Amino acid sequence: MERDRHELYEYARKRIKQKKGIYFHFVLLFLASLFLFVSTKIFNFSHATNWYKWLITVWLFLFILHFIKVYITDRFMNKNWEREQIDRLVALQQKKIEELEMHITEDTSK
């Protein structure tokens, strides 16, 4: 009982840390994009055209991957999912072992 409560607490703490990280990532992306846009357009920071758009696009793509990992992948493939998969595979292996044992006993009884 105490172990389950501790696991739930650790899972909740991990999820909060992940969500906090994605919010930080979003704010950083927004501020950096704003800075790049302002420095390029207003202050004429760089003579190369549109380089900042490519940088923002790549960073946005990385943010989307981070978002998918936190809110989709880790949400469904957590410890409970992992345990269910292990239990299912163990049950399949036990079934195969029992079938093999039945075949062996049938062969030896003949």
N, C-alpha and C. Protein backbone atom coordinates (compact mmCIF):
# COMPACT_ATOMS: atom_id res chain seq x y z
N MET A 1 0.83 -1.19 0.00
CA MET A 1 0.00 0.00 0.00
C MET A 1 0.87 1.26 0.00
N GLU A 2 1.83 1.27 0.91
CA GLU A 2 2.72 2.43 1.00
C GLU A 2 3.58 2.56 -0.26
N ARG A 3 3.98 1.41 -0.82
CA ARG A 3 4.79 1.42 -2.04
C ARG A 3 3.99 1.98 -3.21
N ASP A 4 2.71 1.58 -3.31
CA ASP A 4 1.86 2.10 -4.38
C ASP A 4 1.69 3.61 -4.27
N ARG A 5 1.50 4.08 -3.06
CA ARG A 5 1.34 5.51 -2.83
C ARG A 5 2.61 6.26 -3.22
N HIS A 6 3.75 5.67 -2.87
CA HIS A 6 5.03 6.30 -3.22
C HIS A 6 5.22 6.33 -4.74
N GLU A 7 4.85 5.23 -5.43
CA GLU A 7 4.96 5.19 -6.88
C GLU A 7 4.06 6.23 -7.54
N LEU A 8 2.85 6.39 -7.01
CA LEU A 8 1.93 7.40 -7.54
C LEU A 8 2.50 8.79 -7.34
N TYR A 9 3.07 9.03 -6.17
CA TYR A 9 3.68 10.33 -5.89
C TYR A 9 4.83 10.60 -6.84
N GLU A 10 5.70 9.61 -7.04
CA GLU A 10 6.85 9.79 -7.94
C GLU A 10 6.40 10.02 -9.37
N TYR A 11 5.36 9.30 -9.79
CA TYR A 11 4.83 9.49 -11.14
C TYR A 11 4.28 10.91 -11.30
N ALA A 12 3.52 11.37 -10.30
CA ALA A 12 2.96 12.73 -10.35
C ALA A 12 4.08 13.77 -10.37
N ARG A 13 5.09 13.56 -9.57
CA ARG A 13 6.22 14.50 -9.52
C ARG A 13 6.94 14.54 -10.87
N LYS A 14 7.12 13.38 -11.48
CA LYS A 14 7.77 13.31 -12.79
C LYS A 14 6.95 14.02 -13.86
N ARG A 15 5.62 13.81 -13.85
CA ARG A 15 4.75 14.45 -14.84
C ARG A 15 4.75 15.98 -14.67
N ILE A 16 4.74 16.44 -13.43
CA ILE A 16 4.77 17.88 -13.19
C ILE A 16 6.08 18.47 -13.69
N LYS A 17 7.18 17.76 -13.47
CA LYS A 17 8.48 18.23 -13.96
C LYS A 17 8.49 18.28 -15.49
N GLN A 18 7.89 17.27 -16.15
CA GLN A 18 7.82 17.27 -17.61
C GLN A 18 6.99 18.45 -18.12
N LYS A 19 5.84 18.67 -17.49
CA LYS A 19 4.97 19.77 -17.93
C LYS A 19 5.63 21.12 -17.68
N LYS A 20 6.30 21.25 -16.56
CA LYS A 20 7.03 22.49 -16.27
C LYS A 20 8.11 22.73 -17.33
N GLY A 21 8.77 21.66 -17.74
CA GLY A 21 9.80 21.77 -18.78
C GLY A 21 9.24 22.20 -20.11
N ILE A 22 8.06 21.70 -20.46
CA ILE A 22 7.47 22.09 -21.75
C ILE A 22 6.99 23.54 -21.71
N TYR A 23 6.47 23.99 -20.58
CA TYR A 23 6.07 25.40 -20.47
C TYR A 23 7.28 26.31 -20.57
N PHE A 24 8.38 25.92 -19.93
CA PHE A 24 9.62 26.70 -20.02
C PHE A 24 10.12 26.73 -21.46
N HIS A 25 10.06 25.57 -22.14
CA HIS A 25 10.49 25.47 -23.52
C HIS A 25 9.66 26.42 -24.40
N PHE A 26 8.35 26.47 -24.17
CA PHE A 26 7.48 27.34 -24.96
C PHE A 26 7.81 28.81 -24.73
N VAL A 27 7.98 29.20 -23.48
CA VAL A 27 8.30 30.60 -23.17
C VAL A 27 9.64 30.98 -23.79
N LEU A 28 10.62 30.10 -23.69
CA LEU A 28 11.93 30.36 -24.27
C LEU A 28 11.84 30.48 -25.79
N LEU A 29 11.08 29.60 -26.42
CA LEU A 29 10.87 29.67 -27.87
C LEU A 29 10.23 30.99 -28.25
N PHE A 30 9.20 31.39 -27.53
CA PHE A 30 8.50 32.63 -27.83
C PHE A 30 9.42 33.85 -27.69
N LEU A 31 10.13 33.92 -26.57
CA LEU A 31 11.01 35.08 -26.34
C LEU A 31 12.16 35.12 -27.34
N ALA A 32 12.75 33.98 -27.62
CA ALA A 32 13.86 33.94 -28.58
C ALA A 32 13.37 34.30 -29.98
N SER A 33 12.20 33.82 -30.36
CA SER A 33 11.64 34.15 -31.67
C SER A 33 11.38 35.64 -31.78
N LEU A 34 10.82 36.21 -30.72
CA LEU A 34 10.56 37.64 -30.69
C LEU A 34 11.87 38.43 -30.81
N PHE A 35 12.87 38.00 -30.06
CA PHE A 35 14.17 38.67 -30.11
C PHE A 35 14.78 38.58 -31.52
N LEU A 36 14.74 37.38 -32.12
CA LEU A 36 15.30 37.21 -33.46
C LEU A 36 14.57 38.08 -34.47
N PHE A 37 13.26 38.11 -34.38
CA PHE A 37 12.48 38.92 -35.31
C PHE A 37 12.80 40.40 -35.16
N VAL A 38 12.79 40.86 -33.93
CA VAL A 38 13.04 42.29 -33.68
C VAL A 38 14.45 42.67 -34.07
N SER A 39 15.42 41.87 -33.67
CA SER A 39 16.82 42.21 -33.98
C SER A 39 17.09 42.17 -35.48
N THR A 40 16.41 41.31 -36.19
CA THR A 40 16.65 41.21 -37.63
C THR A 40 15.91 42.31 -38.39
N LYS A 41 14.67 42.54 -38.04
CA LYS A 41 13.86 43.50 -38.80
C LYS A 41 14.10 44.95 -38.38
N ILE A 42 14.08 45.20 -37.11
CA ILE A 42 14.15 46.59 -36.66
C ILE A 42 15.58 47.09 -36.59
N PHE A 43 16.45 46.31 -35.98
CA PHE A 43 17.83 46.75 -35.81
C PHE A 43 18.74 46.33 -36.95
N ASN A 44 18.19 45.62 -37.93
CA ASN A 44 18.96 45.13 -39.07
C ASN A 44 20.21 44.40 -38.59
N PHE A 45 20.00 43.45 -37.71
CA PHE A 45 21.05 42.69 -37.04
C PHE A 45 21.90 41.89 -38.03
N SER A 46 21.25 41.35 -39.05
CA SER A 46 21.99 40.50 -39.98
C SER A 46 21.67 40.92 -41.41
N HIS A 47 22.62 40.72 -42.28
CA HIS A 47 22.40 41.05 -43.68
C HIS A 47 21.81 39.87 -44.44
N ALA A 48 21.96 38.67 -43.90
CA ALA A 48 21.37 37.49 -44.53
C ALA A 48 19.87 37.52 -44.34
N THR A 49 19.15 37.17 -45.39
CA THR A 49 17.69 37.24 -45.31
C THR A 49 17.09 35.91 -44.88
N ASN A 50 16.11 35.99 -44.05
CA ASN A 50 15.27 34.86 -43.63
C ASN A 50 15.98 33.75 -42.86
N TRP A 51 17.19 33.95 -42.42
CA TRP A 51 17.86 32.89 -41.66
C TRP A 51 17.15 32.65 -40.35
N TYR A 52 16.60 33.70 -39.76
CA TYR A 52 15.92 33.56 -38.47
C TYR A 52 14.63 32.74 -38.60
N LYS A 53 14.00 32.82 -39.79
CA LYS A 53 12.78 32.03 -40.00
C LYS A 53 13.08 30.54 -39.97
N TRP A 54 14.21 30.17 -40.56
CA TRP A 54 14.60 28.76 -40.55
C TRP A 54 14.92 28.30 -39.13
N LEU A 55 15.61 29.14 -38.40
CA LEU A 55 15.95 28.80 -37.01
C LEU A 55 14.69 28.64 -36.16
N ILE A 56 13.75 29.56 -36.31
CA ILE A 56 12.49 29.47 -35.56
C ILE A 56 11.70 28.24 -35.98
N THR A 57 11.69 27.92 -37.26
CA THR A 57 10.96 26.74 -37.75
C THR A 57 11.54 25.46 -37.18
N VAL A 58 12.86 25.34 -37.18
CA VAL A 58 13.50 24.14 -36.61
C VAL A 58 13.21 24.05 -35.12
N TRP A 59 13.29 25.17 -34.42
CA TRP A 59 13.04 25.19 -32.98
C TRP A 59 11.57 24.84 -32.70
N LEU A 60 10.66 25.35 -33.53
CA LEU A 60 9.24 25.02 -33.36
C LEU A 60 9.00 23.53 -33.57
N PHE A 61 9.68 22.94 -34.55
CA PHE A 61 9.57 21.51 -34.79
C PHE A 61 10.05 20.71 -33.58
N LEU A 62 11.16 21.14 -32.99
CA LEU A 62 11.67 20.48 -31.79
C LEU A 62 10.70 20.64 -30.62
N PHE A 63 10.08 21.81 -30.51
CA PHE A 63 9.08 22.02 -29.47
C PHE A 63 7.88 21.09 -29.67
N ILE A 64 7.44 20.92 -30.91
CA ILE A 64 6.31 20.03 -31.18
C ILE A 64 6.67 18.60 -30.81
N LEU A 65 7.89 18.17 -31.11
CA LEU A 65 8.32 16.83 -30.71
C LEU A 65 8.33 16.68 -29.19
N HIS A 66 8.79 17.72 -28.49
CA HIS A 66 8.80 17.71 -27.03
C HIS A 66 7.36 17.63 -26.50
N PHE A 67 6.46 18.39 -27.10
CA PHE A 67 5.05 18.39 -26.70
C PHE A 67 4.44 17.00 -26.89
N ILE A 68 4.70 16.38 -28.03
CA ILE A 68 4.17 15.04 -28.31
C ILE A 68 4.70 14.04 -27.29
N LYS A 69 5.97 14.13 -26.97
CA LYS A 69 6.55 13.21 -26.00
C LYS A 69 5.89 13.36 -24.64
N VAL A 70 5.68 14.59 -24.19
CA VAL A 70 5.13 14.81 -22.85
C VAL A 70 3.64 14.49 -22.79
N TYR A 71 2.86 15.00 -23.73
CA TYR A 71 1.42 14.90 -23.63
C TYR A 71 0.80 13.70 -24.33
N ILE A 72 1.53 13.03 -25.19
CA ILE A 72 0.96 11.88 -25.88
C ILE A 72 1.71 10.60 -25.52
N THR A 73 2.98 10.54 -25.84
CA THR A 73 3.74 9.32 -25.64
C THR A 73 3.85 8.93 -24.17
N ASP A 74 4.34 9.84 -23.33
CA ASP A 74 4.53 9.51 -21.92
C ASP A 74 3.22 9.36 -21.16
N ARG A 75 2.18 9.96 -21.66
CA ARG A 75 0.88 9.85 -21.00
C ARG A 75 0.32 8.44 -21.12
N PHE A 76 0.48 7.83 -22.29
CA PHE A 76 -0.09 6.51 -22.52
C PHE A 76 0.89 5.38 -22.26
N MET A 77 2.16 5.64 -22.41
CA MET A 77 3.16 4.60 -22.22
C MET A 77 3.90 4.82 -20.92
N ASN A 78 3.15 4.82 -19.82
CA ASN A 78 3.74 5.04 -18.51
C ASN A 78 4.03 3.71 -17.83
N LYS A 79 4.28 3.74 -16.53
CA LYS A 79 4.61 2.52 -15.79
C LYS A 79 3.48 1.49 -15.84
N ASN A 80 2.24 1.95 -15.77
CA ASN A 80 1.11 1.01 -15.81
C ASN A 80 1.06 0.29 -17.14
N TRP A 81 1.28 1.01 -18.23
CA TRP A 81 1.29 0.39 -19.55
C TRP A 81 2.42 -0.63 -19.63
N GLU A 82 3.58 -0.24 -19.10
CA GLU A 82 4.74 -1.13 -19.11
C GLU A 82 4.45 -2.41 -18.32
N ARG A 83 3.84 -2.26 -17.15
CA ARG A 83 3.48 -3.44 -16.34
C ARG A 83 2.49 -4.34 -17.06
N GLU A 84 1.49 -3.74 -17.69
CA GLU A 84 0.49 -4.53 -18.42
C GLU A 84 1.15 -5.32 -19.56
N GLN A 85 2.07 -4.69 -20.26
CA GLN A 85 2.76 -5.38 -21.35
C GLN A 85 3.62 -6.53 -20.82
N ILE A 86 4.30 -6.29 -19.72
CA ILE A 86 5.13 -7.35 -19.12
C ILE A 86 4.24 -8.49 -18.65
N ASP A 87 3.14 -8.17 -17.97
CA ASP A 87 2.22 -9.22 -17.51
C ASP A 87 1.66 -10.02 -18.67
N ARG A 88 1.31 -9.35 -19.75
CA ARG A 88 0.77 -10.04 -20.93
C ARG A 88 1.81 -10.97 -21.54
N LEU A 89 3.05 -10.48 -21.66
CA LEU A 89 4.10 -11.33 -22.23
C LEU A 89 4.45 -12.51 -21.33
N VAL A 90 4.45 -12.28 -20.03
CA VAL A 90 4.72 -13.37 -19.09
C VAL A 90 3.62 -14.42 -19.17
N ALA A 91 2.36 -13.96 -19.28
CA ALA A 91 1.24 -14.90 -19.40
C ALA A 91 1.35 -15.72 -20.68
N LEU A 92 1.75 -15.08 -21.77
CA LEU A 92 1.94 -15.81 -23.03
C LEU A 92 3.06 -16.84 -22.91
N GLN A 93 4.15 -16.46 -22.26
CA GLN A 93 5.25 -17.40 -22.08
C GLN A 93 4.84 -18.57 -21.20
N GLN A 94 4.10 -18.30 -20.14
CA GLN A 94 3.64 -19.37 -19.26
C GLN A 94 2.71 -20.32 -20.01
N LYS A 95 1.85 -19.77 -20.86
CA LYS A 95 0.94 -20.60 -21.65
C LYS A 95 1.74 -21.51 -22.59
N LYS A 96 2.77 -20.95 -23.24
CA LYS A 96 3.60 -21.76 -24.14
C LYS A 96 4.35 -22.85 -23.37
N ILE A 97 4.84 -22.51 -22.18
CA ILE A 97 5.54 -23.50 -21.35
C ILE A 97 4.59 -24.62 -20.96
N GLU A 98 3.38 -24.28 -20.57
CA GLU A 98 2.39 -25.29 -20.21
C GLU A 98 2.05 -26.18 -21.39
N GLU A 99 1.92 -25.59 -22.58
CA GLU A 99 1.65 -26.39 -23.78
C GLU A 99 2.81 -27.34 -24.07
N LEU A 100 4.04 -26.85 -23.94
CA LEU A 100 5.20 -27.70 -24.16
C LEU A 100 5.25 -28.83 -23.13
N GLU A 101 4.95 -28.53 -21.88
CA GLU A 101 4.94 -29.55 -20.84
C GLU A 101 3.88 -30.61 -21.12
N MET A 102 2.72 -30.17 -21.64
CA MET A 102 1.66 -31.13 -21.99
C MET A 102 2.11 -32.04 -23.12
N HIS A 103 2.78 -31.46 -24.11
CA HIS A 103 3.28 -32.27 -25.22
C HIS A 103 4.34 -33.26 -24.73
N ILE A 104 5.20 -32.82 -23.85
CA ILE A 104 6.24 -33.70 -23.31
C ILE A 104 5.62 -34.84 -22.52
N THR A 105 4.65 -34.53 -21.67
CA THR A 105 3.99 -35.60 -20.89
C THR A 105 3.22 -36.54 -21.79
N GLU A 106 2.61 -36.03 -22.85
CA GLU A 106 1.89 -36.90 -23.80
C GLU A 106 2.86 -37.81 -24.52
N ASP A 107 4.00 -37.26 -24.93
CA ASP A 107 5.01 -38.06 -25.64
C ASP A 107 5.63 -39.11 -24.73
N THR A 108 5.87 -38.79 -23.48
CA THR A 108 6.49 -39.75 -22.58
C THR A 108 5.50 -40.81 -22.12
N SER A 109 4.21 -40.51 -22.13
CA SER A 109 3.22 -41.50 -21.70
C SER A 109 2.91 -42.50 -22.79
N LYS A 110 3.28 -42.21 -24.01
CA LYS A 110 3.00 -43.12 -25.13
C LYS A 110 3.94 -44.26 -25.16
